[in-house]
Amino acid sequence: MESSLFYNDRPNWEKGFLNRNQIRMIRKSGHMIGSHSCSHPDMTSLGRKFIYSEWRTSIQILSEIINEPVNTAAVPNGKYNRLVAKVAEEAGICFLFTSYPYLKVKYVGKCAVIGRYGVKDSSSLNTILKLARGDKRTWTLQKIIWDLKKLIQKLFGNQYILIRKFYFKKLADMV
């Protein structure tokens, strides 16, 4: 089964992150490797120059590691706007994944913005299967949860993390 892995350029010694040899091995096993930026910033808070640098540097490093072009990326924290997608296109990214659960591909210029749902160890098998099949009810509920998370994040700032730990896990499991 093929999967997509998105990498951000953290030092090899940082615990929990893949090293270059592991990335090569995963790619050779048939999995897609894409950028996840260099420093995992909230790109919506950056200017054009910094966004471009994050994308361009990351895809150059990954291209060197796997010895092939990289034109796919996932936005850090799932946060994106038109500028982030437009600059991604300018940096050479053709496919940009966001955590926002879109059912249809959106385009910013020639850059395809693709929604996704992050499957976690707490996700039920039933939910995962429904999402994989494109079940509209399940995707709609995931979108409502996502929108609610964003609203709470905006209203409560850093307290959002505490709220997320206790409430959204239970809500997501109910879908």
C-alpha atoms as a PDB file:
ATOM      1  CA  MET A   1       0.000   0.000   0.000  1.00  0.00           C
ATOM      2  CA  GLU A   2       1.467   3.351  -1.031  1.00  0.00           C
ATOM      3  CA  SER A   3       1.398   6.300   1.341  1.00  0.00           C
ATOM      4  CA  SER A   4       2.475   9.940   1.302  1.00  0.00           C
ATOM      5  CA  LEU A   5       5.085  11.156   3.766  1.00  0.00           C
ATOM      6  CA  PHE A   6       5.805  14.827   4.319  1.00  0.00           C
ATOM      7  CA  TYR A   7       9.178  15.800   5.722  1.00  0.00           C
ATOM      8  CA  ASN A   8      10.424  19.008   7.278  1.00  0.00           C
ATOM      9  CA  ASP A   9      14.164  19.571   7.424  1.00  0.00           C
ATOM     10  CA  ARG A  10      15.035  19.070  11.076  1.00  0.00           C
ATOM     11  CA  PRO A  11      18.574  18.103  12.077  1.00  0.00           C
ATOM     12  CA  ASN A  12      19.217  14.358  11.878  1.00  0.00           C
ATOM     13  CA  TRP A  13      20.014  14.276  15.560  1.00  0.00           C
ATOM     14  CA  GLU A  14      16.609  15.580  16.590  1.00  0.00           C
ATOM     15  CA  LYS A  15      14.828  12.662  18.223  1.00  0.00           C
ATOM     16  CA  GLY A  16      11.792  11.302  16.415  1.00  0.00           C
ATOM     17  CA  PHE A  17      12.582  12.551  12.909  1.00  0.00           C
ATOM     18  CA  LEU A  18      13.709  10.489   9.952  1.00  0.00           C
ATOM     19  CA  ASN A  19      17.297  10.686   8.812  1.00  0.00           C
ATOM     20  CA  ARG A  20      18.322  10.885   5.141  1.00  0.00           C
ATOM     21  CA  ASN A  21      18.911   7.149   4.758  1.00  0.00           C
ATOM     22  CA  GLN A  22      15.472   6.366   6.180  1.00  0.00           C
ATOM     23  CA  ILE A  23      13.888   8.832   3.747  1.00  0.00           C
ATOM     24  CA  ARG A  24      15.692   7.199   0.817  1.00  0.00           C
ATOM     25  CA  MET A  25      14.606   3.735   1.968  1.00  0.00           C
ATOM     26  CA  ILE A  26      10.976   4.808   2.291  1.00  0.00           C
ATOM     27  CA  ARG A  27      11.022   6.359  -1.198  1.00  0.00           C
ATOM     28  CA  LYS A  28      12.641   3.258  -2.687  1.00  0.00           C
ATOM     29  CA  SER A  29       9.796   1.252  -1.135  1.00  0.00           C
ATOM     30  CA  GLY A  30       7.372   3.147  -3.382  1.00  0.00           C
ATOM     31  CA  HIS A  31       6.077   5.843  -1.060  1.00  0.00           C
ATOM     32  CA  MET A  32       5.755   9.479  -2.088  1.00  0.00           C
ATOM     33  CA  ILE A  33       7.961  11.968  -0.246  1.00  0.00           C
ATOM     34  CA  GLY A  34       6.886  15.596  -0.045  1.00  0.00           C
ATOM     35  CA  SER A  35       7.889  18.818   1.676  1.00  0.00           C
ATOM     36  CA  HIS A  36       6.511  19.962   4.987  1.00  0.00           C
ATOM     37  CA  SER A  37       8.679  23.141   5.042  1.00  0.00           C
ATOM     38  CA  CYS A  38      12.026  23.623   6.745  1.00  0.00           C
ATOM     39  CA  SER A  39      11.030  24.947  10.145  1.00  0.00           C
ATOM     40  CA  HIS A  40       7.301  24.074  10.402  1.00  0.00           C
ATOM     41  CA  PRO A  41       6.058  27.672  10.740  1.00  0.00           C
ATOM     42  CA  ASP A  42       2.544  29.064  10.533  1.00  0.00           C
ATOM     43  CA  MET A  43       2.990  30.112   6.915  1.00  0.00           C
ATOM     44  CA  THR A  44      -0.088  32.332   6.999  1.00  0.00           C
ATOM     45  CA  SER A  45       1.855  34.653   9.316  1.00  0.00           C
ATOM     46  CA  LEU A  46       4.884  34.960   7.004  1.00  0.00           C
ATOM     47  CA  GLY A  47       5.647  37.281   4.107  1.00  0.00           C
ATOM     48  CA  ARG A  48       6.124  36.108   0.518  1.00  0.00           C
ATOM     49  CA  LYS A  49       9.940  35.995   0.760  1.00  0.00           C
ATOM     50  CA  PHE A  50       9.960  33.757   3.853  1.00  0.00           C
ATOM     51  CA  ILE A  51       7.232  31.465   2.515  1.00  0.00           C
ATOM     52  CA  TYR A  52       9.193  31.026  -0.725  1.00  0.00           C
ATOM     53  CA  SER A  53      12.376  30.263   1.210  1.00  0.00           C
ATOM     54  CA  GLU A  54      10.606  27.644   3.366  1.00  0.00           C
ATOM     55  CA  TRP A  55       9.182  25.824   0.326  1.00  0.00           C
ATOM     56  CA  ARG A  56      12.163  26.179  -2.012  1.00  0.00           C
ATOM     57  CA  THR A  57      14.814  25.162   0.503  1.00  0.00           C
ATOM     58  CA  SER A  58      12.809  22.172   1.668  1.00  0.00           C
ATOM     59  CA  ILE A  59      12.085  20.804  -1.814  1.00  0.00           C
ATOM     60  CA  GLN A  60      15.734  21.300  -2.836  1.00  0.00           C
ATOM     61  CA  ILE A  61      16.971  19.348   0.186  1.00  0.00           C
ATOM     62  CA  LEU A  62      14.460  16.545  -0.381  1.00  0.00           C
ATOM     63  CA  SER A  63      15.259  16.401  -4.103  1.00  0.00           C
ATOM     64  CA  GLU A  64      18.926  15.932  -3.260  1.00  0.00           C
ATOM     65  CA  ILE A  65      18.127  13.228  -0.702  1.00  0.00           C
ATOM     66  CA  ILE A  66      15.903  11.117  -2.967  1.00  0.00           C
ATOM     67  CA  ASN A  67      17.640  12.119  -6.213  1.00  0.00           C
ATOM     68  CA  GLU A  68      14.439  13.135  -7.986  1.00  0.00           C
ATOM     69  CA  PRO A  69      12.250  16.228  -8.208  1.00  0.00           C
ATOM     70  CA  VAL A  70       9.847  16.965  -5.356  1.00  0.00           C
ATOM     71  CA  ASN A  71       6.655  18.813  -6.316  1.00  0.00           C
ATOM     72  CA  THR A  72       4.313  17.859  -3.482  1.00  0.00           C
ATOM     73  CA  ALA A  73       3.957  19.425  -0.045  1.00  0.00           C
ATOM     74  CA  ALA A  74       1.736  19.543   3.017  1.00  0.00           C
ATOM     75  CA  VAL A  75       1.169  22.844   4.792  1.00  0.00           C
ATOM     76  CA  PRO A  76       2.497  22.926   8.372  1.00  0.00           C
ATOM     77  CA  ASN A  77      -0.326  22.925  10.901  1.00  0.00           C
ATOM     78  CA  GLY A  78      -2.776  22.646   8.004  1.00  0.00           C
ATOM     79  CA  LYS A  79      -2.917  26.447   7.814  1.00  0.00           C
ATOM     80  CA  TYR A  80      -2.896  27.936   4.368  1.00  0.00           C
ATOM     81  CA  ASN A  81      -4.256  30.855   2.405  1.00  0.00           C
ATOM     82  CA  ARG A  82      -4.063  31.958  -1.240  1.00  0.00           C
ATOM     83  CA  LEU A  83      -0.629  33.528  -0.756  1.00  0.00           C
ATOM     84  CA  VAL A  84       0.822  30.330   0.746  1.00  0.00           C
ATOM     85  CA  ALA A  85      -0.540  28.291  -2.200  1.00  0.00           C
ATOM     86  CA  LYS A  86       0.548  30.858  -4.824  1.00  0.00           C
ATOM     87  CA  VAL A  87       4.095  31.009  -3.457  1.00  0.00           C
ATOM     88  CA  ALA A  88       4.165  27.194  -3.226  1.00  0.00           C
ATOM     89  CA  GLU A  89       3.400  27.130  -6.961  1.00  0.00           C
ATOM     90  CA  GLU A  90       6.184  29.660  -7.612  1.00  0.00           C
ATOM     91  CA  ALA A  91       8.594  27.442  -5.655  1.00  0.00           C
ATOM     92  CA  GLY A  92       7.733  24.437  -7.861  1.00  0.00           C
ATOM     93  CA  ILE A  93       5.003  22.738  -5.850  1.00  0.00           C
ATOM     94  CA  CYS A  94       2.150  21.322  -7.944  1.00  0.00           C
ATOM     95  CA  PHE A  95       0.223  19.495  -5.212  1.00  0.00           C
ATOM     96  CA  LEU A  96      -0.366  21.146  -1.850  1.00  0.00           C
ATOM     97  CA  PHE A  97      -2.113  19.230   0.930  1.00  0.00           C
ATOM     98  CA  THR A  98      -3.871  20.994   3.776  1.00  0.00           C
ATOM     99  CA  SER A  99      -5.516  19.557   6.873  1.00  0.00           C
ATOM    100  CA  TYR A 100      -8.766  21.221   5.896  1.00  0.00           C
ATOM    101  CA  PRO A 101     -11.048  18.347   4.831  1.00  0.00           C
ATOM    102  CA  TYR A 102     -12.015  19.407   1.303  1.00  0.00           C
ATOM    103  CA  LEU A 103     -13.899  16.856  -0.774  1.00  0.00           C
ATOM    104  CA  LYS A 104     -12.890  18.478  -4.072  1.00  0.00           C
ATOM    105  CA  VAL A 105      -9.508  19.660  -5.304  1.00  0.00           C
ATOM    106  CA  LYS A 106      -9.156  23.453  -5.405  1.00  0.00           C
ATOM    107  CA  TYR A 107      -6.692  25.273  -7.625  1.00  0.00           C
ATOM    108  CA  VAL A 108      -4.627  28.362  -6.946  1.00  0.00           C
ATOM    109  CA  GLY A 109      -3.065  28.984 -10.325  1.00  0.00           C
ATOM    110  CA  LYS A 110      -1.776  25.574 -11.386  1.00  0.00           C
ATOM    111  CA  CYS A 111      -1.237  24.398  -7.813  1.00  0.00           C
ATOM    112  CA  ALA A 112      -3.794  21.803  -6.746  1.00  0.00           C
ATOM    113  CA  VAL A 113      -4.848  22.324  -3.116  1.00  0.00           C
ATOM    114  CA  ILE A 114      -6.005  19.007  -1.739  1.00  0.00           C
ATOM    115  CA  GLY A 115      -7.843  18.513   1.523  1.00  0.00           C
ATOM    116  CA  ARG A 116      -6.991  15.592   3.718  1.00  0.00           C
ATOM    117  CA  TYR A 117      -7.917  14.041   6.976  1.00  0.00           C
ATOM    118  CA  GLY A 118      -5.097  13.043   9.298  1.00  0.00           C
ATOM    119  CA  VAL A 119      -5.657   9.527  10.594  1.00  0.00           C
ATOM    120  CA  LYS A 120      -4.481   9.087  14.169  1.00  0.00           C
ATOM    121  CA  ASP A 121      -4.143   6.075  16.426  1.00  0.00           C
ATOM    122  CA  SER A 122      -7.380   7.182  18.096  1.00  0.00           C
ATOM    123  CA  SER A 123      -9.304   7.134  14.780  1.00  0.00           C
ATOM    124  CA  SER A 124     -11.737   4.251  14.572  1.00  0.00           C
ATOM    125  CA  LEU A 125     -11.383   1.800  11.707  1.00  0.00           C
ATOM    126  CA  ASN A 126     -14.975   2.564  10.720  1.00  0.00           C
ATOM    127  CA  THR A 127     -14.217   6.305  10.423  1.00  0.00           C
ATOM    128  CA  ILE A 128     -11.031   5.659   8.438  1.00  0.00           C
ATOM    129  CA  LEU A 129     -12.895   3.411   5.984  1.00  0.00           C
ATOM    130  CA  LYS A 130     -15.700   5.939   5.538  1.00  0.00           C
ATOM    131  CA  LEU A 131     -13.190   8.722   4.891  1.00  0.00           C
ATOM    132  CA  ALA A 132     -11.284   6.563   2.400  1.00  0.00           C
ATOM    133  CA  ARG A 133     -14.533   5.846   0.547  1.00  0.00           C
ATOM    134  CA  GLY A 134     -15.372   9.566   0.442  1.00  0.00           C
ATOM    135  CA  ASP A 135     -18.493   9.209   2.567  1.00  0.00           C
ATOM    136  CA  LYS A 136     -19.999  12.710   2.401  1.00  0.00           C
ATOM    137  CA  ARG A 137     -21.614  12.559   5.831  1.00  0.00           C
ATOM    138  CA  THR A 138     -18.332  11.583   7.494  1.00  0.00           C
ATOM    139  CA  TRP A 139     -16.360  14.230   5.586  1.00  0.00           C
ATOM    140  CA  THR A 140     -18.994  16.866   6.417  1.00  0.00           C
ATOM    141  CA  LEU A 141     -18.810  16.014  10.107  1.00  0.00           C
ATOM    142  CA  GLN A 142     -15.016  16.198   9.942  1.00  0.00           C
ATOM    143  CA  LYS A 143     -15.308  19.636   8.316  1.00  0.00           C
ATOM    144  CA  ILE A 144     -17.646  20.811  11.087  1.00  0.00           C
ATOM    145  CA  ILE A 145     -15.171  19.560  13.711  1.00  0.00           C
ATOM    146  CA  TRP A 146     -12.321  21.302  11.839  1.00  0.00           C
ATOM    147  CA  ASP A 147     -14.248  24.586  11.666  1.00  0.00           C
ATOM    148  CA  LEU A 148     -15.115  24.343  15.347  1.00  0.00           C
ATOM    149  CA  LYS A 149     -11.453  23.703  16.224  1.00  0.00           C
ATOM    150  CA  LYS A 150     -10.367  26.757  14.239  1.00  0.00           C
ATOM    151  CA  LEU A 151     -12.969  28.954  15.935  1.00  0.00           C
ATOM    152  CA  ILE A 152     -11.916  27.784  19.409  1.00  0.00           C
ATOM    153  CA  GLN A 153      -8.253  28.211  18.471  1.00  0.00           C
ATOM    154  CA  LYS A 154      -8.948  31.780  17.385  1.00  0.00           C
ATOM    155  CA  LEU A 155     -10.956  32.579  20.535  1.00  0.00           C
ATOM    156  CA  PHE A 156      -8.756  30.858  23.134  1.00  0.00           C
ATOM    157  CA  GLY A 157      -5.251  30.951  21.638  1.00  0.00           C
ATOM    158  CA  ASN A 158      -2.825  28.648  23.454  1.00  0.00           C
ATOM    159  CA  GLN A 159      -5.586  27.299  25.709  1.00  0.00           C
ATOM    160  CA  TYR A 160      -6.874  25.547  22.589  1.00  0.00           C
ATOM    161  CA  ILE A 161      -4.347  22.730  23.099  1.00  0.00           C
ATOM    162  CA  LEU A 162      -5.859  21.841  26.468  1.00  0.00           C
ATOM    163  CA  ILE A 163      -9.383  21.988  25.066  1.00  0.00           C
ATOM    164  CA  ARG A 164      -8.376  19.834  22.081  1.00  0.00           C
ATOM    165  CA  LYS A 165      -6.908  17.109  24.272  1.00  0.00           C
ATOM    166  CA  PHE A 166     -10.091  16.631  26.234  1.00  0.00           C
ATOM    167  CA  TYR A 167     -12.976  17.347  23.882  1.00  0.00           C
ATOM    168  CA  PHE A 168     -12.089  16.929  20.220  1.00  0.00           C
ATOM    169  CA  LYS A 169     -10.726  13.412  20.553  1.00  0.00           C
ATOM    170  CA  LYS A 170     -14.096  12.303  21.925  1.00  0.00           C
ATOM    171  CA  LEU A 171     -15.992  14.251  19.272  1.00  0.00           C
ATOM    172  CA  ALA A 172     -13.893  12.856  16.401  1.00  0.00           C
ATOM    173  CA  ASP A 173     -14.348   9.316  17.682  1.00  0.00           C
ATOM    174  CA  MET A 174     -18.130   9.750  17.594  1.00  0.00           C
ATOM    175  CA  VAL A 175     -18.125  10.363  13.808  1.00  0.00           C
END
